[in-house]
Amino acid sequence: MDCVDFVELVTEFLDGALPEGDERRFIEHLAECSGCENYLDQFRQTITAAGELTQDDISPAAKQQLLDAFRGWRQT
């Protein structure tokens, strides 16, 4: 598994939804790649922080800024 594949599978891994073979390759890659280890840790921290937010915590301007940032995003 390379880093691109790893990044594409992070959400499924955290949801416990990876097939056994993919999960094994994911964990093997994680053991060898400090960059992906950092990425996974940052992803977990983001999920934790975002899970603590409420609608009242996010200003209308911030909501619009996020929508604008993701509106142009395309997965390749």
PDB file of N, CA and C in Angstrom:
ATOM      1  N   MET A   1       0.853  -1.173   0.000  1.00  0.00           N
ATOM      2  CA  MET A   1       0.000   0.000   0.000  1.00  0.00           C
ATOM      3  C   MET A   1       0.896   1.232   0.000  1.00  0.00           C
ATOM      4  N   ASP A   2       0.517   2.230  -0.796  1.00  0.00           N
ATOM      5  CA  ASP A   2       1.249   3.486  -0.770  1.00  0.00           C
ATOM      6  C   ASP A   2       0.450   4.537  -0.004  1.00  0.00           C
ATOM      7  N   CYS A   3       1.029   5.717   0.128  1.00  0.00           N
ATOM      8  CA  CYS A   3       0.401   6.767   0.938  1.00  0.00           C
ATOM      9  C   CYS A   3      -0.930   7.235   0.353  1.00  0.00           C
ATOM     10  N   VAL A   4      -1.048   7.267  -0.960  1.00  0.00           N
ATOM     11  CA  VAL A   4      -2.300   7.689  -1.596  1.00  0.00           C
ATOM     12  C   VAL A   4      -3.421   6.713  -1.236  1.00  0.00           C
ATOM     13  N   ASP A   5      -3.139   5.418  -1.342  1.00  0.00           N
ATOM     14  CA  ASP A   5      -4.135   4.409  -0.970  1.00  0.00           C
ATOM     15  C   ASP A   5      -4.495   4.537   0.508  1.00  0.00           C
ATOM     16  N   PHE A   6      -3.488   4.761   1.339  1.00  0.00           N
ATOM     17  CA  PHE A   6      -3.701   4.902   2.782  1.00  0.00           C
ATOM     18  C   PHE A   6      -4.697   6.018   3.069  1.00  0.00           C
ATOM     19  N   VAL A   7      -4.446   7.197   2.485  1.00  0.00           N
ATOM     20  CA  VAL A   7      -5.303   8.364   2.721  1.00  0.00           C
ATOM     21  C   VAL A   7      -6.736   8.081   2.281  1.00  0.00           C
ATOM     22  N   GLU A   8      -6.898   7.370   1.169  1.00  0.00           N
ATOM     23  CA  GLU A   8      -8.235   7.065   0.672  1.00  0.00           C
ATOM     24  C   GLU A   8      -9.003   6.120   1.590  1.00  0.00           C
ATOM     25  N   LEU A   9      -8.281   5.349   2.411  1.00  0.00           N
ATOM     26  CA  LEU A   9      -8.923   4.339   3.252  1.00  0.00           C
ATOM     27  C   LEU A   9      -9.064   4.747   4.724  1.00  0.00           C
ATOM     28  N   VAL A  10      -8.577   5.921   5.093  1.00  0.00           N
ATOM     29  CA  VAL A  10      -8.578   6.321   6.503  1.00  0.00           C
ATOM     30  C   VAL A  10      -9.978   6.295   7.101  1.00  0.00           C
ATOM     31  N   THR A  11     -10.944   6.867   6.434  1.00  0.00           N
ATOM     32  CA  THR A  11     -12.301   6.919   6.980  1.00  0.00           C
ATOM     33  C   THR A  11     -12.870   5.518   7.185  1.00  0.00           C
ATOM     34  N   GLU A  12     -12.696   4.659   6.200  1.00  0.00           N
ATOM     35  CA  GLU A  12     -13.190   3.284   6.341  1.00  0.00           C
ATOM     36  C   GLU A  12     -12.484   2.565   7.485  1.00  0.00           C
ATOM     37  N   PHE A  13     -11.176   2.809   7.640  1.00  0.00           N
ATOM     38  CA  PHE A  13     -10.431   2.197   8.733  1.00  0.00           C
ATOM     39  C   PHE A  13     -10.993   2.630  10.080  1.00  0.00           C
ATOM     40  N   LEU A  14     -11.177   3.931  10.240  1.00  0.00           N
ATOM     41  CA  LEU A  14     -11.689   4.443  11.511  1.00  0.00           C
ATOM     42  C   LEU A  14     -13.114   3.977  11.784  1.00  0.00           C
ATOM     43  N   ASP A  15     -13.877   3.711  10.743  1.00  0.00           N
ATOM     44  CA  ASP A  15     -15.242   3.193  10.903  1.00  0.00           C
ATOM     45  C   ASP A  15     -15.270   1.680  11.119  1.00  0.00           C
ATOM     46  N   GLY A  16     -14.102   1.037  11.025  1.00  0.00           N
ATOM     47  CA  GLY A  16     -14.048  -0.419  11.166  1.00  0.00           C
ATOM     48  C   GLY A  16     -14.677  -1.138   9.991  1.00  0.00           C
ATOM     49  N   ALA A  17     -14.631  -0.493   8.812  1.00  0.00           N
ATOM     50  CA  ALA A  17     -15.331  -1.032   7.655  1.00  0.00           C
ATOM     51  C   ALA A  17     -14.404  -1.584   6.569  1.00  0.00           C
ATOM     52  N   LEU A  18     -13.113  -1.683   6.864  1.00  0.00           N
ATOM     53  CA  LEU A  18     -12.195  -2.218   5.856  1.00  0.00           C
ATOM     54  C   LEU A  18     -12.260  -3.739   5.827  1.00  0.00           C
ATOM     55  N   PRO A  19     -12.234  -4.324   4.643  1.00  0.00           N
ATOM     56  CA  PRO A  19     -12.092  -5.780   4.574  1.00  0.00           C
ATOM     57  C   PRO A  19     -10.779  -6.195   5.242  1.00  0.00           C
ATOM     58  N   GLU A  20     -10.723  -7.404   5.738  1.00  0.00           N
ATOM     59  CA  GLU A  20      -9.583  -7.879   6.530  1.00  0.00           C
ATOM     60  C   GLU A  20      -8.243  -7.680   5.824  1.00  0.00           C
ATOM     61  N   GLY A  21      -8.168  -8.010   4.555  1.00  0.00           N
ATOM     62  CA  GLY A  21      -6.910  -7.868   3.819  1.00  0.00           C
ATOM     63  C   GLY A  21      -6.478  -6.422   3.695  1.00  0.00           C
ATOM     64  N   ASP A  22      -7.417  -5.544   3.413  1.00  0.00           N
ATOM     65  CA  ASP A  22      -7.102  -4.122   3.323  1.00  0.00           C
ATOM     66  C   ASP A  22      -6.680  -3.560   4.671  1.00  0.00           C
ATOM     67  N   GLU A  23      -7.349  -4.006   5.726  1.00  0.00           N
ATOM     68  CA  GLU A  23      -6.987  -3.536   7.060  1.00  0.00           C
ATOM     69  C   GLU A  23      -5.566  -3.969   7.416  1.00  0.00           C
ATOM     70  N   ARG A  24      -5.208  -5.182   7.076  1.00  0.00           N
ATOM     71  CA  ARG A  24      -3.855  -5.679   7.347  1.00  0.00           C
ATOM     72  C   ARG A  24      -2.824  -4.834   6.599  1.00  0.00           C
ATOM     73  N   ARG A  25      -3.075  -4.570   5.308  1.00  0.00           N
ATOM     74  CA  ARG A  25      -2.148  -3.751   4.522  1.00  0.00           C
ATOM     75  C   ARG A  25      -2.086  -2.327   5.061  1.00  0.00           C
ATOM     76  N   PHE A  26      -3.213  -1.796   5.518  1.00  0.00           N
ATOM     77  CA  PHE A  26      -3.280  -0.460   6.102  1.00  0.00           C
ATOM     78  C   PHE A  26      -2.383  -0.378   7.333  1.00  0.00           C
ATOM     79  N   ILE A  27      -2.520  -1.352   8.221  1.00  0.00           N
ATOM     80  CA  ILE A  27      -1.740  -1.371   9.459  1.00  0.00           C
ATOM     81  C   ILE A  27      -0.254  -1.587   9.174  1.00  0.00           C
ATOM     82  N   GLU A  28       0.050  -2.434   8.196  1.00  0.00           N
ATOM     83  CA  GLU A  28       1.448  -2.645   7.821  1.00  0.00           C
ATOM     84  C   GLU A  28       2.065  -1.348   7.305  1.00  0.00           C
ATOM     85  N   HIS A  29       1.320  -0.626   6.473  1.00  0.00           N
ATOM     86  CA  HIS A  29       1.819   0.650   5.955  1.00  0.00           C
ATOM     87  C   HIS A  29       2.005   1.642   7.103  1.00  0.00           C
ATOM     88  N   LEU A  30       1.058   1.680   7.990  1.00  0.00           N
ATOM     89  CA  LEU A  30       1.108   2.588   9.131  1.00  0.00           C
ATOM     90  C   LEU A  30       2.358   2.347   9.972  1.00  0.00           C
ATOM     91  N   ALA A  31       2.742   1.091  10.130  1.00  0.00           N
ATOM     92  CA  ALA A  31       3.921   0.742  10.920  1.00  0.00           C
ATOM     93  C   ALA A  31       5.219   1.210  10.266  1.00  0.00           C
ATOM     94  N   GLU A  32       5.187   1.412   8.949  1.00  0.00           N
ATOM     95  CA  GLU A  32       6.397   1.769   8.210  1.00  0.00           C
ATOM     96  C   GLU A  32       6.471   3.239   7.815  1.00  0.00           C
ATOM     97  N   CYS A  33       5.382   3.986   7.944  1.00  0.00           N
ATOM     98  CA  CYS A  33       5.332   5.335   7.385  1.00  0.00           C
ATOM     99  C   CYS A  33       4.945   6.363   8.457  1.00  0.00           C
ATOM    100  N   SER A  34       5.924   7.112   8.929  1.00  0.00           N
ATOM    101  CA  SER A  34       5.638   8.097   9.969  1.00  0.00           C
ATOM    102  C   SER A  34       4.747   9.222   9.457  1.00  0.00           C
ATOM    103  N   GLY A  35       4.827   9.546   8.168  1.00  0.00           N
ATOM    104  CA  GLY A  35       3.962  10.579   7.609  1.00  0.00           C
ATOM    105  C   GLY A  35       2.502  10.184   7.690  1.00  0.00           C
ATOM    106  N   CYS A  36       2.193   8.949   7.373  1.00  0.00           N
ATOM    107  CA  CYS A  36       0.810   8.475   7.449  1.00  0.00           C
ATOM    108  C   CYS A  36       0.373   8.298   8.897  1.00  0.00           C
ATOM    109  N   GLU A  37       1.305   7.948   9.765  1.00  0.00           N
ATOM    110  CA  GLU A  37       0.986   7.872  11.188  1.00  0.00           C
ATOM    111  C   GLU A  37       0.563   9.252  11.698  1.00  0.00           C
ATOM    112  N   ASN A  38       1.290  10.283  11.291  1.00  0.00           N
ATOM    113  CA  ASN A  38       0.933  11.651  11.668  1.00  0.00           C
ATOM    114  C   ASN A  38      -0.412  12.054  11.068  1.00  0.00           C
ATOM    115  N   TYR A  39      -0.635  11.673   9.812  1.00  0.00           N
ATOM    116  CA  TYR A  39      -1.899  11.998   9.144  1.00  0.00           C
ATOM    117  C   TYR A  39      -3.070  11.380   9.893  1.00  0.00           C
ATOM    118  N   LEU A  40      -2.947  10.108  10.261  1.00  0.00           N
ATOM    119  CA  LEU A  40      -4.015   9.424  10.983  1.00  0.00           C
ATOM    120  C   LEU A  40      -4.269  10.091  12.329  1.00  0.00           C
ATOM    121  N   ASP A  41      -3.204  10.465  13.027  1.00  0.00           N
ATOM    122  CA  ASP A  41      -3.349  11.146  14.308  1.00  0.00           C
ATOM    123  C   ASP A  41      -4.058  12.487  14.135  1.00  0.00           C
ATOM    124  N   GLN A  42      -3.692  13.248  13.111  1.00  0.00           N
ATOM    125  CA  GLN A  42      -4.345  14.532  12.838  1.00  0.00           C
ATOM    126  C   GLN A  42      -5.818  14.327  12.489  1.00  0.00           C
ATOM    127  N   PHE A  43      -6.107  13.281  11.735  1.00  0.00           N
ATOM    128  CA  PHE A  43      -7.482  12.973  11.362  1.00  0.00           C
ATOM    129  C   PHE A  43      -8.315  12.676  12.604  1.00  0.00           C
ATOM    130  N   ARG A  44      -7.752  11.882  13.496  1.00  0.00           N
ATOM    131  CA  ARG A  44      -8.451  11.561  14.751  1.00  0.00           C
ATOM    132  C   ARG A  44      -8.686  12.813  15.592  1.00  0.00           C
ATOM    133  N   GLN A  45      -7.680  13.680  15.671  1.00  0.00           N
ATOM    134  CA  GLN A  45      -7.823  14.922  16.430  1.00  0.00           C
ATOM    135  C   GLN A  45      -8.906  15.816  15.813  1.00  0.00           C
ATOM    136  N   THR A  46      -8.956  15.867  14.504  1.00  0.00           N
ATOM    137  CA  THR A  46      -9.969  16.670  13.810  1.00  0.00           C
ATOM    138  C   THR A  46     -11.363  16.134  14.106  1.00  0.00           C
ATOM    139  N   ILE A  47     -11.524  14.835  14.063  1.00  0.00           N
ATOM    140  CA  ILE A  47     -12.819  14.225  14.357  1.00  0.00           C
ATOM    141  C   ILE A  47     -13.243  14.555  15.786  1.00  0.00           C
ATOM    142  N   THR A  48     -12.310  14.457  16.716  1.00  0.00           N
ATOM    143  CA  THR A  48     -12.616  14.764  18.112  1.00  0.00           C
ATOM    144  C   THR A  48     -13.033  16.217  18.269  1.00  0.00           C
ATOM    145  N   ALA A  49     -12.265  17.117  17.683  1.00  0.00           N
ATOM    146  CA  ALA A  49     -12.572  18.546  17.798  1.00  0.00           C
ATOM    147  C   ALA A  49     -13.891  18.888  17.117  1.00  0.00           C
ATOM    148  N   ALA A  50     -14.112  18.357  15.937  1.00  0.00           N
ATOM    149  CA  ALA A  50     -15.342  18.655  15.203  1.00  0.00           C
ATOM    150  C   ALA A  50     -16.556  18.061  15.907  1.00  0.00           C
ATOM    151  N   GLY A  51     -16.372  16.941  16.557  1.00  0.00           N
ATOM    152  CA  GLY A  51     -17.476  16.315  17.274  1.00  0.00           C
ATOM    153  C   GLY A  51     -17.947  17.114  18.470  1.00  0.00           C
ATOM    154  N   GLU A  52     -17.114  18.011  18.939  1.00  0.00           N
ATOM    155  CA  GLU A  52     -17.462  18.834  20.095  1.00  0.00           C
ATOM    156  C   GLU A  52     -18.137  20.142  19.693  1.00  0.00           C
ATOM    157  N   LEU A  53     -18.159  20.439  18.401  1.00  0.00           N
ATOM    158  CA  LEU A  53     -18.762  21.687  17.938  1.00  0.00           C
ATOM    159  C   LEU A  53     -20.282  21.587  17.885  1.00  0.00           C
ATOM    160  N   THR A  54     -20.923  22.700  18.131  1.00  0.00           N
ATOM    161  CA  THR A  54     -22.363  22.794  17.946  1.00  0.00           C
ATOM    162  C   THR A  54     -22.628  23.851  16.877  1.00  0.00           C
ATOM    163  N   GLN A  55     -23.859  23.930  16.417  1.00  0.00           N
ATOM    164  CA  GLN A  55     -24.223  24.941  15.423  1.00  0.00           C
ATOM    165  C   GLN A  55     -23.904  26.340  15.924  1.00  0.00           C
ATOM    166  N   ASP A  56     -24.077  26.567  17.213  1.00  0.00           N
ATOM    167  CA  ASP A  56     -23.828  27.889  17.785  1.00  0.00           C
ATOM    168  C   ASP A  56     -22.343  28.243  17.833  1.00  0.00           C
ATOM    169  N   ASP A  57     -21.472  27.237  17.761  1.00  0.00           N
ATOM    170  CA  ASP A  57     -20.031  27.474  17.822  1.00  0.00           C
ATOM    171  C   ASP A  57     -19.469  27.984  16.495  1.00  0.00           C
ATOM    172  N   ILE A  58     -20.214  27.809  15.426  1.00  0.00           N
ATOM    173  CA  ILE A  58     -19.710  28.134  14.093  1.00  0.00           C
ATOM    174  C   ILE A  58     -20.424  29.370  13.574  1.00  0.00           C
ATOM    175  N   SER A  59     -19.678  30.404  13.329  1.00  0.00           N
ATOM    176  CA  SER A  59     -20.279  31.641  12.847  1.00  0.00           C
ATOM    177  C   SER A  59     -20.755  31.480  11.405  1.00  0.00           C
ATOM    178  N   PRO A  60     -21.718  32.273  10.979  1.00  0.00           N
ATOM    179  CA  PRO A  60     -22.162  32.216   9.581  1.00  0.00           C
ATOM    180  C   PRO A  60     -21.010  32.457   8.599  1.00  0.00           C
ATOM    181  N   ALA A  61     -20.090  33.350   8.953  1.00  0.00           N
ATOM    182  CA  ALA A  61     -18.951  33.616   8.068  1.00  0.00           C
ATOM    183  C   ALA A  61     -18.051  32.382   7.956  1.00  0.00           C
ATOM    184  N   ALA A  62     -17.827  31.701   9.069  1.00  0.00           N
ATOM    185  CA  ALA A  62     -17.001  30.494   9.044  1.00  0.00           C
ATOM    186  C   ALA A  62     -17.670  29.392   8.238  1.00  0.00           C
ATOM    187  N   LYS A  63     -18.977  29.242   8.388  1.00  0.00           N
ATOM    188  CA  LYS A  63     -19.706  28.245   7.595  1.00  0.00           C
ATOM    189  C   LYS A  63     -19.548  28.525   6.114  1.00  0.00           C
ATOM    190  N   GLN A  64     -19.700  29.781   5.747  1.00  0.00           N
ATOM    191  CA  GLN A  64     -19.584  30.148   4.337  1.00  0.00           C
ATOM    192  C   GLN A  64     -18.172  29.906   3.822  1.00  0.00           C
ATOM    193  N   GLN A  65     -17.186  30.204   4.643  1.00  0.00           N
ATOM    194  CA  GLN A  65     -15.793  29.989   4.253  1.00  0.00           C
ATOM    195  C   GLN A  65     -15.521  28.498   4.016  1.00  0.00           C
ATOM    196  N   LEU A  66     -16.040  27.648   4.869  1.00  0.00           N
ATOM    197  CA  LEU A  66     -15.876  26.210   4.678  1.00  0.00           C
ATOM    198  C   LEU A  66     -16.590  25.733   3.419  1.00  0.00           C
ATOM    199  N   LEU A  67     -17.799  26.190   3.219  1.00  0.00           N
ATOM    200  CA  LEU A  67     -18.535  25.805   2.012  1.00  0.00           C
ATOM    201  C   LEU A  67     -17.794  26.241   0.761  1.00  0.00           C
ATOM    202  N   ASP A  68     -17.270  27.449   0.764  1.00  0.00           N
ATOM    203  CA  ASP A  68     -16.512  27.947  -0.388  1.00  0.00           C
ATOM    204  C   ASP A  68     -15.255  27.122  -0.634  1.00  0.00           C
ATOM    205  N   ALA A  69     -14.577  26.743   0.460  1.00  0.00           N
ATOM    206  CA  ALA A  69     -13.346  25.962   0.325  1.00  0.00           C
ATOM    207  C   ALA A  69     -13.614  24.594  -0.282  1.00  0.00           C
ATOM    208  N   PHE A  70     -14.710  23.968   0.114  1.00  0.00           N
ATOM    209  CA  PHE A  70     -15.003  22.620  -0.376  1.00  0.00           C
ATOM    210  C   PHE A  70     -15.793  22.596  -1.671  1.00  0.00           C
ATOM    211  N   ARG A  71     -16.396  23.690  -2.028  1.00  0.00           N
ATOM    212  CA  ARG A  71     -17.210  23.746  -3.248  1.00  0.00           C
ATOM    213  C   ARG A  71     -16.355  23.432  -4.480  1.00  0.00           C
ATOM    214  N   GLY A  72     -15.143  23.919  -4.522  1.00  0.00           N
ATOM    215  CA  GLY A  72     -14.282  23.694  -5.674  1.00  0.00           C
ATOM    216  C   GLY A  72     -13.474  22.418  -5.607  1.00  0.00           C
ATOM    217  N   TRP A  73     -13.566  21.701  -4.491  1.00  0.00           N
ATOM    218  CA  TRP A  73     -12.781  20.486  -4.314  1.00  0.00           C
ATOM    219  C   TRP A  73     -13.331  19.361  -5.179  1.00  0.00           C
ATOM    220  N   ARG A  74     -12.442  18.701  -5.862  1.00  0.00           N
ATOM    221  CA  ARG A  74     -12.813  17.546  -6.680  1.00  0.00           C
ATOM    222  C   ARG A  74     -11.860  16.418  -6.381  1.00  0.00           C
ATOM    223  N   GLN A  75     -12.396  15.236  -6.165  1.00  0.00           N
ATOM    224  CA  GLN A  75     -11.546  14.068  -5.941  1.00  0.00           C
ATOM    225  C   GLN A  75     -11.058  13.599  -7.300  1.00  0.00           C
ATOM    226  N   THR A  76      -9.764  13.330  -7.396  1.00  0.00           N
ATOM    227  CA  THR A  76      -9.189  12.871  -8.660  1.00  0.00           C
ATOM    228  C   THR A  76      -8.838  11.421  -8.608  1.00  0.00           C
TER     229      THR A  76
END
